[in-house]
Amino acid sequence: MRSTGFLLVAVVFVAVALLAYAIILAGGWEAHDFALVAAAIAASQVGALVWHRQAPASAERSVKLGLGVVLSVTAVAFTLIFQAVSGWLAYPEIIVPIAAIGCFVFPFAVVGPVWRALSKGKPPESKDAEPGADADGGA
């Protein structure tokens, strides 16, 4: 995946985390760290879609590993910066390592079915090109 794809995954993570935090705060719930889970879900899905669009021949394992690293780094950076600004977490010393590990592992559980569905739904290009070329008769 190109660097723009990785940047998009990081932006989606931050946007969803902030939106989920706002919803959790408005609802009066205490589970502020659930915003990180929601962000990891959304960013993993978007990352799989973008990666498949940019490099559909990539190995599924490399997709999961790449997204895991990007999400883990993004989660740690976002959590520490947002904690310094707002103090949103009650126990950041516990949540930050769990978020780092969880965001790394999360794509390994979520991306596989999405990747296989995207790969399965796409017909081979060479078979589509052959009948069209024969129907034209070289014109």
Protein backbone atom coordinates (compact mmCIF):
# COMPACT_ATOMS: atom_id res chain seq x y z
CA MET A 1 0.00 0.00 0.00
CA ARG A 2 1.19 3.49 -0.73
CA SER A 3 1.88 6.02 1.99
CA THR A 4 -1.40 7.81 1.24
CA GLY A 5 -3.24 4.62 2.18
CA PHE A 6 -1.42 4.40 5.50
CA LEU A 7 -2.17 8.07 6.14
CA LEU A 8 -5.85 7.48 5.38
CA VAL A 9 -5.93 4.59 7.87
CA ALA A 10 -4.40 6.81 10.56
CA VAL A 11 -6.84 9.66 9.82
CA VAL A 12 -9.83 7.29 9.95
CA PHE A 13 -8.58 5.91 13.27
CA VAL A 14 -8.30 9.37 14.82
CA ALA A 15 -11.61 10.59 13.40
CA VAL A 16 -13.54 7.54 14.59
CA ALA A 17 -11.85 7.63 17.99
CA LEU A 18 -12.82 11.27 18.49
CA LEU A 19 -16.38 10.68 17.27
CA ALA A 20 -16.81 7.60 19.46
CA TYR A 21 -15.39 9.49 22.45
CA ALA A 22 -17.85 12.32 21.86
CA ILE A 23 -20.74 9.85 21.69
CA ILE A 24 -19.55 8.03 24.82
CA LEU A 25 -19.16 11.33 26.65
CA ALA A 26 -22.59 12.54 25.54
CA GLY A 27 -24.13 9.27 26.68
CA GLY A 28 -22.56 9.65 30.09
CA TRP A 29 -20.76 6.29 29.94
CA GLU A 30 -17.49 5.72 31.73
CA ALA A 31 -15.89 3.37 29.17
CA HIS A 32 -13.92 6.05 27.34
CA ASP A 33 -11.38 3.51 26.11
CA PHE A 34 -14.06 1.84 23.98
CA ALA A 35 -13.45 4.66 21.51
CA LEU A 36 -10.14 2.96 20.68
CA VAL A 37 -11.92 -0.31 19.90
CA ALA A 38 -14.40 1.41 17.59
CA ALA A 39 -11.55 3.23 15.87
CA ALA A 40 -9.60 0.00 15.38
CA ILE A 41 -12.62 -1.70 13.82
CA ALA A 42 -13.30 1.10 11.37
CA ALA A 43 -9.66 1.73 10.47
CA SER A 44 -9.02 -1.98 9.89
CA GLN A 45 -11.94 -2.21 7.50
CA VAL A 46 -10.96 0.94 5.62
CA GLY A 47 -7.35 -0.21 5.52
CA ALA A 48 -8.31 -3.55 4.00
CA LEU A 49 -10.45 -1.85 1.36
CA VAL A 50 -7.78 0.69 0.45
CA TRP A 51 -4.99 -1.88 0.41
CA HIS A 52 -7.01 -4.23 -1.79
CA ARG A 53 -7.77 -1.40 -4.18
CA GLN A 54 -4.13 -0.28 -4.40
CA ALA A 55 -2.43 -3.70 -4.37
CA PRO A 56 -4.89 -6.57 -4.78
CA ALA A 57 -2.11 -9.14 -5.32
CA SER A 58 -0.64 -8.54 -1.84
CA ALA A 59 -0.37 -11.46 0.53
CA GLU A 60 -3.05 -11.40 3.23
CA ARG A 61 -0.46 -11.80 5.98
CA SER A 62 1.49 -8.73 4.84
CA VAL A 63 -1.75 -6.72 4.79
CA LYS A 64 -2.55 -7.75 8.35
CA LEU A 65 0.99 -7.04 9.53
CA GLY A 66 1.15 -3.64 7.83
CA LEU A 67 -2.22 -2.55 9.18
CA GLY A 68 -1.34 -3.85 12.64
CA VAL A 69 1.81 -1.76 12.78
CA VAL A 70 0.09 1.37 11.49
CA LEU A 71 -2.85 1.01 13.87
CA SER A 72 -0.63 0.27 16.85
CA VAL A 73 1.58 3.30 16.30
CA THR A 74 -1.44 5.50 15.60
CA ALA A 75 -3.25 4.27 18.71
CA VAL A 76 -0.30 4.97 20.99
CA ALA A 77 0.35 8.41 19.51
CA PHE A 78 -3.32 9.40 19.58
CA THR A 79 -3.89 8.09 23.09
CA LEU A 80 -0.85 9.84 24.56
CA ILE A 81 -1.53 13.15 22.82
CA PHE A 82 -5.24 13.14 23.62
CA GLN A 83 -4.49 12.13 27.21
CA ALA A 84 -2.08 15.05 27.58
CA VAL A 85 -4.65 17.46 26.15
CA SER A 86 -7.85 16.23 27.79
CA GLY A 87 -7.07 13.62 30.44
CA TRP A 88 -9.74 11.37 28.95
CA LEU A 89 -8.47 8.08 30.43
CA ALA A 90 -8.53 7.24 34.11
CA TYR A 91 -5.65 4.73 33.85
CA PRO A 92 -3.52 5.59 30.81
CA GLU A 93 -0.59 3.50 32.10
CA ILE A 94 -2.78 0.43 31.65
CA ILE A 95 -4.80 1.43 28.59
CA VAL A 96 -1.90 2.56 26.36
CA PRO A 97 -0.04 -0.79 26.33
CA ILE A 98 -3.31 -2.70 25.93
CA ALA A 99 -4.29 -0.41 23.04
CA ALA A 100 -0.91 -0.90 21.37
CA ILE A 101 -1.13 -4.68 21.56
CA GLY A 102 -4.82 -4.79 20.73
CA CYS A 103 -4.53 -2.54 17.70
CA PHE A 104 -1.65 -4.65 16.41
CA VAL A 105 -3.56 -7.92 16.81
CA PHE A 106 -6.96 -6.63 15.72
CA PRO A 107 -6.33 -6.70 11.93
CA PHE A 108 -5.32 -10.36 12.20
CA ALA A 109 -8.88 -11.13 13.34
CA VAL A 110 -10.83 -8.68 11.21
CA VAL A 111 -9.06 -8.23 7.88
CA GLY A 112 -9.04 -11.87 6.72
CA PRO A 113 -12.75 -12.22 5.90
CA VAL A 114 -12.86 -8.79 4.26
CA TRP A 115 -9.76 -9.52 2.16
CA ARG A 116 -11.10 -12.89 1.01
CA ALA A 117 -14.49 -11.40 0.14
CA LEU A 118 -12.88 -8.63 -1.89
CA SER A 119 -10.59 -11.09 -3.67
CA LYS A 120 -13.42 -13.52 -4.37
CA GLY A 121 -15.80 -10.93 -5.78
CA LYS A 122 -13.38 -9.80 -8.47
CA PRO A 123 -13.43 -11.83 -11.72
CA PRO A 124 -10.07 -12.53 -13.36
CA GLU A 125 -9.16 -9.80 -15.83
CA SER A 126 -7.62 -12.10 -18.44
CA LYS A 127 -10.85 -14.09 -18.89
CA ASP A 128 -12.89 -10.90 -19.29
CA ALA A 129 -10.47 -9.49 -21.84
CA GLU A 130 -10.45 -12.58 -24.11
CA PRO A 131 -14.17 -12.69 -25.00
CA GLY A 132 -14.25 -8.92 -25.60
CA ALA A 133 -11.29 -9.15 -27.94
CA ASP A 134 -12.87 -12.02 -29.90
CA ALA A 135 -16.23 -10.25 -30.18
CA ASP A 136 -14.64 -7.14 -31.70
CA GLY A 137 -12.93 -9.23 -34.37
CA GLY A 138 -9.83 -7.06 -34.19
CA ALA A 139 -11.71 -3.82 -34.88
